[in-house]
């Protein structure tokens, strides 16, 4: 499905406001609502299916879909076998958890650009890692995937309305309505999250190339 242009949702937002915040301000609210929705719900799920190991390098760069940022990494597999996350972000001792084969045993994520492997790979190996991640629109995104807007666009509009109406001291400020839209937005995010978790649990293991 083609991408949905966020600017096209401005006309869905403006009629609900007492004054016009201007298109750039409205678009920013829509984008930020879309980012929050995707990050919280986890509906935009992507597998980087061909990541590689580089000898002597612990870091593996994350390569999400174009126009997306990584919200979080969910799982890592090496040659089809699941790699365990480091316990609660605490790095594990190299001597205790090292592997003479150099195969990754643990991974950690300190930022949204890369994961870190334990132990450091001994050899370079092409295309042996699969990395499952939840994506969100980037801060510069002008579009979102069309299927996301088709299913949840109405709720993202509610999130944008909440952001605008809850701005203090603006001609379009409407705290009571904004709070109502915020509740609806939160409920939609958490319902979508429950559905996304259920769907992933039922689905057979599969990967999608980023190309």
N, C-alpha and C. Protein backbone atom coordinates (compact mmCIF):
# COMPACT_ATOMS: atom_id res chain seq x y z
N UNK A 1 0.84 -1.19 0.00
CA UNK A 1 0.00 0.00 0.00
C UNK A 1 0.88 1.24 0.00
N UNK A 2 0.46 2.26 -0.73
CA UNK A 2 1.24 3.49 -0.82
C UNK A 2 1.28 4.20 0.53
N UNK A 3 2.28 5.05 0.68
CA UNK A 3 2.41 5.81 1.91
C UNK A 3 1.33 6.89 2.00
N UNK A 4 0.98 7.26 3.21
CA UNK A 4 0.03 8.34 3.45
C UNK A 4 0.81 9.60 3.80
N UNK A 5 0.48 10.71 3.14
CA UNK A 5 1.14 11.98 3.40
C UNK A 5 0.50 12.67 4.59
N UNK A 6 1.30 12.96 5.61
CA UNK A 6 0.77 13.53 6.85
C UNK A 6 0.09 14.87 6.63
N UNK A 7 0.57 15.64 5.67
CA UNK A 7 -0.05 16.94 5.39
C UNK A 7 -1.50 16.79 4.95
N UNK A 8 -1.85 15.62 4.40
CA UNK A 8 -3.22 15.40 3.96
C UNK A 8 -4.20 15.26 5.13
N UNK A 9 -3.66 15.09 6.34
CA UNK A 9 -4.54 14.97 7.51
C UNK A 9 -4.85 16.31 8.16
N UNK A 10 -4.22 17.38 7.68
CA UNK A 10 -4.47 18.70 8.28
C UNK A 10 -5.95 19.04 8.24
N UNK A 11 -6.60 18.76 7.13
CA UNK A 11 -8.03 19.07 6.99
C UNK A 11 -8.91 18.20 7.87
N UNK A 12 -8.36 17.10 8.39
CA UNK A 12 -9.12 16.28 9.35
C UNK A 12 -9.04 16.87 10.75
N UNK A 13 -8.02 17.70 10.98
CA UNK A 13 -7.79 18.26 12.32
C UNK A 13 -8.44 19.63 12.47
N UNK A 14 -8.22 20.50 11.50
CA UNK A 14 -8.61 21.91 11.65
C UNK A 14 -10.09 22.15 11.96
N UNK A 15 -11.03 21.40 11.37
CA UNK A 15 -12.44 21.69 11.67
C UNK A 15 -12.81 21.52 13.13
N UNK A 16 -12.01 20.81 13.90
CA UNK A 16 -12.32 20.57 15.30
C UNK A 16 -11.75 21.64 16.22
N UNK A 17 -11.02 22.60 15.66
CA UNK A 17 -10.35 23.61 16.47
C UNK A 17 -11.06 24.96 16.38
N UNK A 18 -10.98 25.72 17.44
CA UNK A 18 -11.64 27.04 17.48
C UNK A 18 -10.89 28.08 16.68
N UNK A 19 -9.61 27.81 16.38
CA UNK A 19 -8.80 28.73 15.58
C UNK A 19 -7.78 27.90 14.81
N UNK A 20 -7.18 28.50 13.79
CA UNK A 20 -6.25 27.80 12.91
C UNK A 20 -4.83 27.95 13.43
N UNK A 21 -4.17 26.86 13.85
CA UNK A 21 -2.81 26.96 14.36
C UNK A 21 -1.75 27.16 13.26
N UNK A 22 -2.15 27.10 12.00
CA UNK A 22 -1.28 27.10 10.82
C UNK A 22 -0.92 25.66 10.46
N UNK A 23 -0.73 25.44 9.19
CA UNK A 23 -0.46 24.07 8.72
C UNK A 23 0.81 23.48 9.31
N UNK A 24 1.95 24.22 9.38
CA UNK A 24 3.16 23.61 9.97
C UNK A 24 2.96 23.14 11.41
N UNK A 25 2.27 23.95 12.22
CA UNK A 25 2.03 23.56 13.61
C UNK A 25 1.13 22.34 13.67
N UNK A 26 0.11 22.31 12.82
CA UNK A 26 -0.81 21.17 12.79
C UNK A 26 -0.11 19.91 12.31
N UNK A 27 0.70 20.02 11.27
CA UNK A 27 1.45 18.87 10.78
C UNK A 27 2.39 18.31 11.83
N UNK A 28 3.03 19.20 12.59
CA UNK A 28 3.93 18.75 13.65
C UNK A 28 3.16 17.96 14.70
N UNK A 29 1.98 18.43 15.06
CA UNK A 29 1.17 17.70 16.04
C UNK A 29 0.76 16.33 15.50
N UNK A 30 0.43 16.26 14.23
CA UNK A 30 0.05 14.98 13.61
C UNK A 30 1.25 14.03 13.60
N UNK A 31 2.43 14.54 13.20
CA UNK A 31 3.63 13.70 13.16
C UNK A 31 3.98 13.19 14.55
N UNK A 32 3.95 14.08 15.54
CA UNK A 32 4.29 13.65 16.89
C UNK A 32 3.29 12.64 17.44
N UNK A 33 2.03 12.79 17.08
CA UNK A 33 1.03 11.81 17.50
C UNK A 33 1.29 10.46 16.82
N UNK A 34 1.66 10.49 15.55
CA UNK A 34 1.97 9.24 14.84
C UNK A 34 3.19 8.56 15.44
N UNK A 35 4.21 9.36 15.81
CA UNK A 35 5.40 8.79 16.44
C UNK A 35 5.04 8.13 17.76
N UNK A 36 4.27 8.83 18.58
CA UNK A 36 3.88 8.27 19.87
C UNK A 36 3.04 7.01 19.70
N UNK A 37 2.11 7.04 18.75
CA UNK A 37 1.25 5.88 18.53
C UNK A 37 2.08 4.66 18.14
N UNK A 38 2.97 4.82 17.18
CA UNK A 38 3.76 3.68 16.70
C UNK A 38 4.71 3.17 17.77
N UNK A 39 5.36 4.08 18.49
CA UNK A 39 6.32 3.67 19.52
C UNK A 39 5.63 2.92 20.65
N UNK A 40 4.46 3.39 21.07
CA UNK A 40 3.75 2.78 22.19
C UNK A 40 3.07 1.48 21.80
N UNK A 41 2.43 1.47 20.64
CA UNK A 41 1.63 0.30 20.24
C UNK A 41 2.47 -0.84 19.67
N UNK A 42 3.59 -0.52 19.02
CA UNK A 42 4.40 -1.56 18.40
C UNK A 42 3.81 -2.14 17.13
N UNK A 43 2.88 -1.42 16.49
CA UNK A 43 2.22 -1.98 15.31
C UNK A 43 3.15 -2.03 14.09
N UNK A 44 4.14 -1.13 14.04
CA UNK A 44 5.06 -1.10 12.90
C UNK A 44 6.25 -1.98 13.26
N UNK A 45 6.16 -3.24 12.90
CA UNK A 45 7.15 -4.24 13.25
C UNK A 45 7.97 -4.58 12.01
N UNK A 46 9.29 -4.65 12.17
CA UNK A 46 10.18 -4.82 11.03
C UNK A 46 11.33 -5.73 11.42
N UNK A 47 11.74 -6.59 10.50
CA UNK A 47 12.90 -7.44 10.73
C UNK A 47 14.01 -7.11 9.75
N UNK A 48 15.13 -6.70 10.29
CA UNK A 48 16.35 -6.52 9.49
C UNK A 48 16.95 -7.92 9.34
N UNK A 49 16.80 -8.51 8.17
CA UNK A 49 17.02 -9.95 8.04
C UNK A 49 18.41 -10.33 7.56
N UNK A 50 19.27 -9.35 7.30
CA UNK A 50 20.56 -9.70 6.71
C UNK A 50 21.71 -8.92 7.34
N UNK A 51 21.65 -8.69 8.65
CA UNK A 51 22.74 -7.97 9.32
C UNK A 51 23.97 -8.87 9.42
N UNK A 52 25.14 -8.24 9.46
CA UNK A 52 26.40 -8.98 9.41
C UNK A 52 27.24 -8.73 10.66
N UNK A 53 28.13 -9.69 10.93
CA UNK A 53 29.13 -9.55 11.99
C UNK A 53 30.44 -9.08 11.36
N UNK A 54 31.15 -8.21 12.08
CA UNK A 54 32.46 -7.74 11.65
C UNK A 54 33.47 -8.11 12.72
N UNK A 55 34.54 -8.79 12.31
CA UNK A 55 35.55 -9.24 13.26
C UNK A 55 36.07 -8.07 14.08
N UNK A 56 36.07 -8.24 15.40
CA UNK A 56 36.60 -7.23 16.29
C UNK A 56 35.67 -6.09 16.59
N UNK A 57 34.46 -6.11 16.03
CA UNK A 57 33.50 -5.01 16.24
C UNK A 57 32.29 -5.52 17.00
N UNK A 58 32.03 -4.93 18.16
CA UNK A 58 30.88 -5.33 18.97
C UNK A 58 29.57 -4.76 18.44
N UNK A 59 29.63 -3.57 17.84
CA UNK A 59 28.42 -2.87 17.42
C UNK A 59 27.92 -3.37 16.06
N UNK A 60 26.60 -3.49 15.95
CA UNK A 60 25.93 -3.79 14.68
C UNK A 60 24.93 -2.68 14.42
N UNK A 61 25.06 -2.01 13.28
CA UNK A 61 24.19 -0.88 12.97
C UNK A 61 22.79 -1.36 12.61
N UNK A 62 21.80 -0.62 13.10
CA UNK A 62 20.40 -0.91 12.78
C UNK A 62 20.01 -0.18 11.51
N UNK A 63 19.29 -0.85 10.64
CA UNK A 63 18.90 -0.29 9.35
C UNK A 63 17.39 -0.46 9.16
N UNK A 64 16.60 0.46 9.70
CA UNK A 64 15.14 0.37 9.58
C UNK A 64 14.67 0.75 8.19
N UNK A 65 13.37 0.62 7.96
CA UNK A 65 12.76 1.08 6.71
C UNK A 65 13.05 2.57 6.50
N UNK A 66 13.07 2.98 5.24
CA UNK A 66 13.29 4.39 4.92
C UNK A 66 12.19 5.26 5.54
N UNK A 67 12.58 6.38 6.12
CA UNK A 67 11.62 7.29 6.73
C UNK A 67 11.23 6.91 8.14
N UNK A 68 11.88 5.87 8.69
CA UNK A 68 11.54 5.40 10.03
C UNK A 68 12.75 5.48 10.94
N UNK A 69 12.47 5.62 12.23
CA UNK A 69 13.45 5.48 13.28
C UNK A 69 13.13 4.22 14.08
N UNK A 70 14.13 3.70 14.77
CA UNK A 70 13.92 2.54 15.62
C UNK A 70 13.40 3.01 16.97
N UNK A 71 12.23 2.51 17.36
CA UNK A 71 11.71 2.79 18.70
C UNK A 71 12.41 1.88 19.73
N UNK A 72 12.55 0.60 19.37
CA UNK A 72 13.25 -0.34 20.25
C UNK A 72 13.49 -1.64 19.49
N UNK A 73 14.48 -2.39 19.94
CA UNK A 73 14.77 -3.72 19.42
C UNK A 73 14.04 -4.73 20.28
N UNK A 74 13.39 -5.69 19.64
CA UNK A 74 12.60 -6.69 20.36
C UNK A 74 13.34 -8.02 20.51
N UNK A 75 14.08 -8.42 19.46
CA UNK A 75 14.74 -9.73 19.51
C UNK A 75 15.87 -9.76 18.49
N UNK A 76 16.84 -10.62 18.76
CA UNK A 76 17.98 -10.82 17.86
C UNK A 76 18.18 -12.33 17.69
N UNK A 77 18.42 -12.76 16.45
CA UNK A 77 18.70 -14.16 16.17
C UNK A 77 20.01 -14.28 15.38
N UNK A 78 20.81 -15.27 15.74
CA UNK A 78 22.07 -15.56 15.03
C UNK A 78 21.93 -16.93 14.37
N UNK A 79 21.97 -16.93 13.04
CA UNK A 79 21.77 -18.17 12.27
C UNK A 79 20.50 -18.89 12.71
N UNK A 80 19.45 -18.11 12.95
CA UNK A 80 18.15 -18.66 13.30
C UNK A 80 17.95 -18.95 14.77
N UNK A 81 19.00 -18.86 15.58
CA UNK A 81 18.90 -19.16 17.01
C UNK A 81 18.80 -17.85 17.80
N UNK A 82 17.86 -17.77 18.70
CA UNK A 82 17.64 -16.56 19.47
C UNK A 82 18.84 -16.23 20.35
N UNK A 83 19.23 -14.96 20.34
CA UNK A 83 20.30 -14.46 21.20
C UNK A 83 19.65 -13.76 22.39
N UNK A 84 20.11 -14.06 23.58
CA UNK A 84 19.49 -13.50 24.79
C UNK A 84 19.86 -12.03 24.99
N UNK A 85 18.92 -11.21 25.48
CA UNK A 85 19.29 -9.84 25.85
C UNK A 85 20.10 -9.84 27.14
N UNK A 86 21.02 -8.89 27.25
CA UNK A 86 21.76 -8.75 28.50
C UNK A 86 20.78 -8.35 29.60
N UNK A 87 20.99 -8.84 30.78
CA UNK A 87 20.04 -8.65 31.88
C UNK A 87 19.83 -7.18 32.22
N UNK A 88 18.63 -6.68 31.89
CA UNK A 88 18.21 -5.33 32.27
C UNK A 88 19.23 -4.27 31.88
N UNK A 89 19.88 -4.47 30.75
CA UNK A 89 20.81 -3.48 30.24
C UNK A 89 22.19 -3.53 30.88
N UNK A 90 22.37 -4.39 31.89
CA UNK A 90 23.68 -4.48 32.55
C UNK A 90 24.59 -5.36 31.71
N UNK A 91 25.75 -4.82 31.34
CA UNK A 91 26.65 -5.59 30.48
C UNK A 91 27.25 -6.75 31.26
N UNK A 92 27.37 -7.89 30.59
CA UNK A 92 27.84 -9.10 31.25
C UNK A 92 29.35 -9.27 31.09
N UNK A 93 29.95 -9.88 32.09
CA UNK A 93 31.40 -10.00 32.14
C UNK A 93 31.93 -10.85 30.99
N UNK A 94 32.91 -10.30 30.28
CA UNK A 94 33.47 -10.99 29.10
C UNK A 94 34.09 -12.33 29.48
N UNK A 95 34.80 -12.37 30.58
CA UNK A 95 35.48 -13.60 30.96
C UNK A 95 34.48 -14.71 31.30
N UNK A 96 33.39 -14.32 31.99
CA UNK A 96 32.42 -15.32 32.41
C UNK A 96 31.54 -15.78 31.27
N UNK A 97 31.19 -14.85 30.36
CA UNK A 97 30.22 -15.17 29.33
C UNK A 97 30.81 -15.23 27.92
N UNK A 98 32.12 -15.22 27.83
CA UNK A 98 32.75 -15.31 26.52
C UNK A 98 32.48 -16.67 25.88
N UNK A 99 32.65 -16.74 24.58
CA UNK A 99 32.42 -17.97 23.83
C UNK A 99 33.61 -18.16 22.91
N UNK A 100 34.27 -19.31 23.01
CA UNK A 100 35.49 -19.53 22.22
C UNK A 100 35.21 -19.51 20.72
N UNK A 101 33.96 -19.76 20.33
CA UNK A 101 33.62 -19.73 18.91
C UNK A 101 33.42 -18.31 18.39
N UNK A 102 33.23 -17.36 19.31
CA UNK A 102 32.96 -15.98 18.89
C UNK A 102 31.53 -15.75 18.51
N UNK A 103 30.66 -16.75 18.65
CA UNK A 103 29.24 -16.57 18.33
C UNK A 103 28.61 -15.66 19.37
N UNK A 104 27.73 -14.74 18.94
CA UNK A 104 27.08 -13.85 19.91
C UNK A 104 26.19 -14.64 20.86
N UNK A 105 26.29 -14.33 22.16
CA UNK A 105 25.45 -14.98 23.17
C UNK A 105 24.46 -14.01 23.80
N UNK A 106 24.82 -12.72 23.80
CA UNK A 106 23.97 -11.71 24.39
C UNK A 106 24.01 -10.44 23.54
N UNK A 107 22.96 -9.66 23.65
CA UNK A 107 22.94 -8.37 22.98
C UNK A 107 22.39 -7.33 23.95
N UNK A 108 22.78 -6.08 23.70
CA UNK A 108 22.28 -4.95 24.48
C UNK A 108 22.02 -3.80 23.53
N UNK A 109 21.10 -2.93 23.92
CA UNK A 109 20.77 -1.74 23.12
C UNK A 109 20.89 -0.51 24.00
N UNK A 110 21.87 0.32 23.71
CA UNK A 110 22.08 1.55 24.48
C UNK A 110 21.51 2.78 23.77
N UNK A 111 21.21 2.66 22.47
CA UNK A 111 20.62 3.76 21.72
C UNK A 111 19.81 3.17 20.57
N UNK A 112 19.28 4.02 19.70
CA UNK A 112 18.43 3.54 18.61
C UNK A 112 19.20 3.37 17.30
N UNK A 113 20.51 3.46 17.35
CA UNK A 113 21.32 3.36 16.14
C UNK A 113 21.98 2.00 15.97
N UNK A 114 22.17 1.28 17.07
CA UNK A 114 22.94 0.04 16.99
C UNK A 114 22.62 -0.86 18.18
N UNK A 115 23.00 -2.13 18.03
CA UNK A 115 23.03 -3.05 19.16
C UNK A 115 24.48 -3.43 19.41
N UNK A 116 24.75 -3.90 20.61
CA UNK A 116 26.09 -4.35 20.99
C UNK A 116 26.03 -5.83 21.30
N UNK A 117 27.04 -6.56 20.83
CA UNK A 117 27.07 -8.01 20.99
C UNK A 117 28.09 -8.44 22.02
N UNK A 118 27.80 -9.57 22.63
CA UNK A 118 28.70 -10.20 23.59
C UNK A 118 28.81 -11.67 23.24
N UNK A 119 30.00 -12.23 23.01
CA UNK A 119 31.29 -11.55 22.98
C UNK A 119 31.53 -10.83 21.66
N UNK A 120 32.66 -10.14 21.57
CA UNK A 120 33.05 -9.49 20.31
C UNK A 120 33.29 -10.58 19.26
N UNK A 121 32.69 -10.45 18.05
CA UNK A 121 32.89 -11.49 17.02
C UNK A 121 34.37 -11.69 16.67
N UNK A 122 34.74 -12.95 16.50
CA UNK A 122 36.11 -13.27 16.10
C UNK A 122 36.31 -13.18 14.60
N UNK A 123 35.24 -13.45 13.86
CA UNK A 123 35.32 -13.46 12.40
C UNK A 123 34.19 -12.64 11.81
N UNK A 124 34.40 -12.17 10.59
CA UNK A 124 33.34 -11.47 9.86
C UNK A 124 32.43 -12.50 9.22
N UNK A 125 31.12 -12.28 9.34
CA UNK A 125 30.14 -13.19 8.77
C UNK A 125 29.00 -12.37 8.19
N UNK A 126 28.74 -12.57 6.91
CA UNK A 126 27.73 -11.76 6.21
C UNK A 126 26.34 -12.35 6.38
N UNK A 127 25.38 -11.48 6.71
CA UNK A 127 23.97 -11.85 6.68
C UNK A 127 23.53 -12.92 7.66
N UNK A 128 24.15 -12.98 8.84
CA UNK A 128 23.84 -14.07 9.77
C UNK A 128 22.93 -13.64 10.92
N UNK A 129 22.65 -12.34 11.02
CA UNK A 129 21.82 -11.85 12.12
C UNK A 129 20.46 -11.40 11.61
N UNK A 130 19.42 -11.70 12.38
CA UNK A 130 18.09 -11.14 12.16
C UNK A 130 17.75 -10.31 13.39
N UNK A 131 17.30 -9.08 13.15
CA UNK A 131 17.01 -8.17 14.25
C UNK A 131 15.57 -7.69 14.12
N UNK A 132 14.74 -8.07 15.08
CA UNK A 132 13.35 -7.62 15.12
C UNK A 132 13.27 -6.29 15.84
N UNK A 133 12.58 -5.34 15.25
CA UNK A 133 12.49 -4.01 15.87
C UNK A 133 11.11 -3.40 15.66
N UNK A 134 10.75 -2.53 16.58
CA UNK A 134 9.56 -1.71 16.45
C UNK A 134 9.99 -0.36 15.89
N UNK A 135 9.28 0.10 14.86
CA UNK A 135 9.64 1.35 14.19
C UNK A 135 8.63 2.45 14.52
N UNK A 136 9.07 3.67 14.30
CA UNK A 136 8.22 4.85 14.41
C UNK A 136 8.63 5.82 13.30
N UNK A 137 7.75 6.72 12.87
CA UNK A 137 8.16 7.72 11.88
C UNK A 137 9.32 8.55 12.42
N UNK A 138 10.21 8.92 11.54
CA UNK A 138 11.32 9.78 11.96
C UNK A 138 10.81 11.19 12.23
N UNK A 139 11.63 11.99 12.89
CA UNK A 139 11.24 13.37 13.20
C UNK A 139 11.11 14.22 11.94
N UNK A 140 11.71 13.76 10.85
CA UNK A 140 11.62 14.48 9.59
C UNK A 140 10.62 13.86 8.62
N UNK A 141 9.91 12.83 9.06
CA UNK A 141 9.01 12.10 8.16
C UNK A 141 7.87 12.99 7.67
N UNK A 142 7.54 12.84 6.42
CA UNK A 142 6.36 13.51 5.84
C UNK A 142 5.25 12.52 5.52
N UNK A 143 5.54 11.23 5.68
CA UNK A 143 4.56 10.18 5.39
C UNK A 143 4.62 9.10 6.47
N UNK A 144 3.58 8.28 6.49
CA UNK A 144 3.58 7.04 7.26
C UNK A 144 3.07 5.95 6.32
N UNK A 145 3.36 4.68 6.61
CA UNK A 145 2.83 3.62 5.77
C UNK A 145 1.30 3.71 5.67
N UNK A 146 0.79 3.53 4.47
CA UNK A 146 -0.64 3.68 4.26
C UNK A 146 -1.48 2.75 5.11
N UNK A 147 -0.99 1.53 5.37
CA UNK A 147 -1.79 0.58 6.16
C UNK A 147 -1.93 1.06 7.61
N UNK A 148 -0.94 1.78 8.11
CA UNK A 148 -1.06 2.32 9.47
C UNK A 148 -2.16 3.37 9.50
N UNK A 149 -2.16 4.26 8.51
CA UNK A 149 -3.17 5.30 8.52
C UNK A 149 -4.57 4.73 8.28
N UNK A 150 -4.67 3.73 7.41
CA UNK A 150 -5.97 3.12 7.15
C UNK A 150 -6.59 2.55 8.43
N UNK A 151 -5.76 1.90 9.24
CA UNK A 151 -6.29 1.26 10.45
C UNK A 151 -6.40 2.20 11.64
N UNK A 152 -5.48 3.16 11.75
CA UNK A 152 -5.41 3.94 12.99
C UNK A 152 -5.35 5.45 12.76
N UNK A 153 -5.56 5.90 11.54
CA UNK A 153 -5.47 7.33 11.26
C UNK A 153 -6.42 8.17 12.09
N UNK A 154 -7.65 7.69 12.29
CA UNK A 154 -8.62 8.43 13.09
C UNK A 154 -8.12 8.66 14.51
N UNK A 155 -7.44 7.66 15.05
CA UNK A 155 -6.93 7.77 16.41
C UNK A 155 -5.70 8.67 16.47
N UNK A 156 -4.89 8.64 15.42
CA UNK A 156 -3.74 9.55 15.37
C UNK A 156 -4.22 10.99 15.29
N UNK A 157 -5.30 11.23 14.54
CA UNK A 157 -5.90 12.57 14.51
C UNK A 157 -6.34 12.98 15.91
N UNK A 158 -6.92 12.05 16.67
CA UNK A 158 -7.32 12.35 18.05
C UNK A 158 -6.11 12.74 18.89
N UNK A 159 -5.00 12.04 18.66
CA UNK A 159 -3.78 12.38 19.39
C UNK A 159 -3.26 13.76 19.03
N UNK A 160 -3.37 14.12 17.75
CA UNK A 160 -2.95 15.45 17.32
C UNK A 160 -3.85 16.53 17.92
N UNK A 161 -5.15 16.26 17.93
CA UNK A 161 -6.09 17.22 18.54
C UNK A 161 -5.79 17.41 20.02
N UNK A 162 -5.48 16.33 20.71
CA UNK A 162 -5.15 16.44 22.13
C UNK A 162 -3.92 17.33 22.32
N UNK A 163 -2.91 17.12 21.52
CA UNK A 163 -1.69 17.93 21.64
C UNK A 163 -1.99 19.41 21.41
N UNK A 164 -2.80 19.72 20.42
CA UNK A 164 -3.09 21.12 20.09
C UNK A 164 -4.00 21.75 21.14
N UNK A 165 -5.06 21.04 21.52
CA UNK A 165 -6.03 21.61 22.45
C UNK A 165 -5.46 21.79 23.86
N UNK A 166 -4.44 21.02 24.20
CA UNK A 166 -3.85 21.11 25.53
C UNK A 166 -2.68 22.09 25.58
N UNK A 167 -2.38 22.75 24.46
CA UNK A 167 -1.38 23.82 24.50
C UNK A 167 -1.95 24.99 25.30
N UNK A 168 -1.24 25.50 26.27
CA UNK A 168 -1.79 26.59 27.10
C UNK A 168 -1.79 27.94 26.38
N UNK A 169 -2.86 28.70 26.60
CA UNK A 169 -2.90 30.09 26.16
C UNK A 169 -2.96 30.33 24.67
N UNK A 170 -3.43 29.35 23.89
CA UNK A 170 -3.54 29.52 22.44
C UNK A 170 -5.00 29.77 22.07
N UNK A 171 -5.26 30.42 20.93
CA UNK A 171 -6.65 30.64 20.52
C UNK A 171 -7.43 29.34 20.32
N UNK A 172 -6.73 28.25 20.08
CA UNK A 172 -7.38 26.95 19.86
C UNK A 172 -7.36 26.06 21.11
N UNK A 173 -6.86 26.59 22.23
CA UNK A 173 -6.80 25.80 23.46
C UNK A 173 -8.21 25.40 23.92
N UNK A 174 -8.36 24.13 24.28
CA UNK A 174 -9.66 23.61 24.78
C UNK A 174 -9.35 22.44 25.71
N UNK A 175 -9.02 22.73 26.97
CA UNK A 175 -8.53 21.68 27.88
C UNK A 175 -9.46 20.49 28.04
N UNK A 176 -10.76 20.73 28.19
CA UNK A 176 -11.68 19.61 28.42
C UNK A 176 -11.77 18.70 27.20
N UNK A 177 -11.91 19.31 26.03
CA UNK A 177 -11.95 18.51 24.80
C UNK A 177 -10.61 17.82 24.57
N UNK A 178 -9.53 18.54 24.84
CA UNK A 178 -8.21 17.96 24.66
C UNK A 178 -8.01 16.75 25.54
N UNK A 179 -8.46 16.83 26.78
CA UNK A 179 -8.34 15.69 27.70
C UNK A 179 -9.16 14.50 27.20
N UNK A 180 -10.33 14.77 26.65
CA UNK A 180 -11.16 13.69 26.11
C UNK A 180 -10.45 13.01 24.94
N UNK A 181 -9.89 13.81 24.02
CA UNK A 181 -9.17 13.23 22.88
C UNK A 181 -7.95 12.46 23.35
N UNK A 182 -7.31 12.94 24.42
CA UNK A 182 -6.13 12.25 24.93
C UNK A 182 -6.49 10.87 25.47
N UNK A 183 -7.60 10.78 26.19
CA UNK A 183 -8.05 9.49 26.70
C UNK A 183 -8.35 8.54 25.55
N UNK A 184 -9.05 9.02 24.53
CA UNK A 184 -9.36 8.17 23.37
C UNK A 184 -8.09 7.70 22.67
N UNK A 185 -7.13 8.60 22.55
CA UNK A 185 -5.86 8.27 21.91
C UNK A 185 -5.13 7.20 22.71
N UNK A 186 -5.03 7.36 24.01
CA UNK A 186 -4.36 6.38 24.86
C UNK A 186 -5.05 5.02 24.78
N UNK A 187 -6.37 5.00 24.82
CA UNK A 187 -7.09 3.73 24.72
C UNK A 187 -6.80 3.03 23.40
N UNK A 188 -6.78 3.80 22.31
CA UNK A 188 -6.50 3.22 21.00
C UNK A 188 -5.09 2.65 20.93
N UNK A 189 -4.12 3.37 21.49
CA UNK A 189 -2.74 2.88 21.48
C UNK A 189 -2.62 1.56 22.21
N UNK A 190 -3.24 1.47 23.38
CA UNK A 190 -3.08 0.26 24.17
C UNK A 190 -3.89 -0.90 23.60
N UNK A 191 -5.02 -0.63 22.96
CA UNK A 191 -5.74 -1.69 22.25
C UNK A 191 -4.92 -2.20 21.06
N UNK A 192 -4.30 -1.27 20.33
CA UNK A 192 -3.47 -1.67 19.20
C UNK A 192 -2.26 -2.46 19.68
N UNK A 193 -1.69 -2.09 20.82
CA UNK A 193 -0.55 -2.82 21.37
C UNK A 193 -0.93 -4.25 21.71
N UNK A 194 -2.08 -4.43 22.34
CA UNK A 194 -2.54 -5.78 22.69
C UNK A 194 -2.75 -6.61 21.43
N UNK A 195 -3.32 -5.99 20.39
CA UNK A 195 -3.52 -6.70 19.14
C UNK A 195 -2.22 -7.06 18.46
N UNK A 196 -1.25 -6.16 18.50
CA UNK A 196 0.05 -6.41 17.86
C UNK A 196 0.77 -7.56 18.55
N UNK A 197 0.73 -7.60 19.88
CA UNK A 197 1.37 -8.68 20.62
C UNK A 197 0.72 -10.01 20.31
N UNK A 198 -0.61 -10.03 20.27
CA UNK A 198 -1.33 -11.26 19.96
C UNK A 198 -1.02 -11.75 18.55
N UNK A 199 -1.01 -10.84 17.60
CA UNK A 199 -0.75 -11.22 16.21
C UNK A 199 0.65 -11.77 16.02
N UNK A 200 1.63 -11.18 16.71
CA UNK A 200 3.00 -11.67 16.57
C UNK A 200 3.15 -13.04 17.23
N UNK A 201 2.44 -13.26 18.32
CA UNK A 201 2.52 -14.56 19.00
C UNK A 201 1.93 -15.67 18.15
N UNK A 202 0.89 -15.34 17.38
CA UNK A 202 0.21 -16.36 16.56
C UNK A 202 0.90 -16.59 15.22
N UNK A 203 1.63 -15.59 14.76
CA UNK A 203 2.20 -15.68 13.42
C UNK A 203 3.41 -16.61 13.40
N UNK A 204 3.62 -17.37 12.29
CA UNK A 204 4.83 -18.16 12.17
C UNK A 204 6.04 -17.24 12.04
N UNK A 205 7.19 -17.74 12.45
CA UNK A 205 8.41 -16.95 12.37
C UNK A 205 8.72 -16.63 10.92
N UNK A 206 8.87 -15.36 10.63
CA UNK A 206 9.21 -14.95 9.27
C UNK A 206 9.97 -13.64 9.35
N UNK A 207 10.70 -13.34 8.29
CA UNK A 207 11.45 -12.10 8.24
C UNK A 207 11.13 -11.37 6.97
N UNK A 208 11.40 -10.08 6.99
CA UNK A 208 11.19 -9.25 5.81
C UNK A 208 12.47 -8.49 5.54
N UNK A 209 12.93 -8.55 4.32
CA UNK A 209 14.10 -7.77 3.97
C UNK A 209 13.74 -6.29 3.97
N UNK A 210 14.73 -5.45 4.26
CA UNK A 210 14.49 -4.01 4.23
C UNK A 210 14.46 -3.46 2.82
N UNK A 211 14.82 -4.31 1.82
CA UNK A 211 14.87 -3.82 0.43
C UNK A 211 13.50 -3.90 -0.19
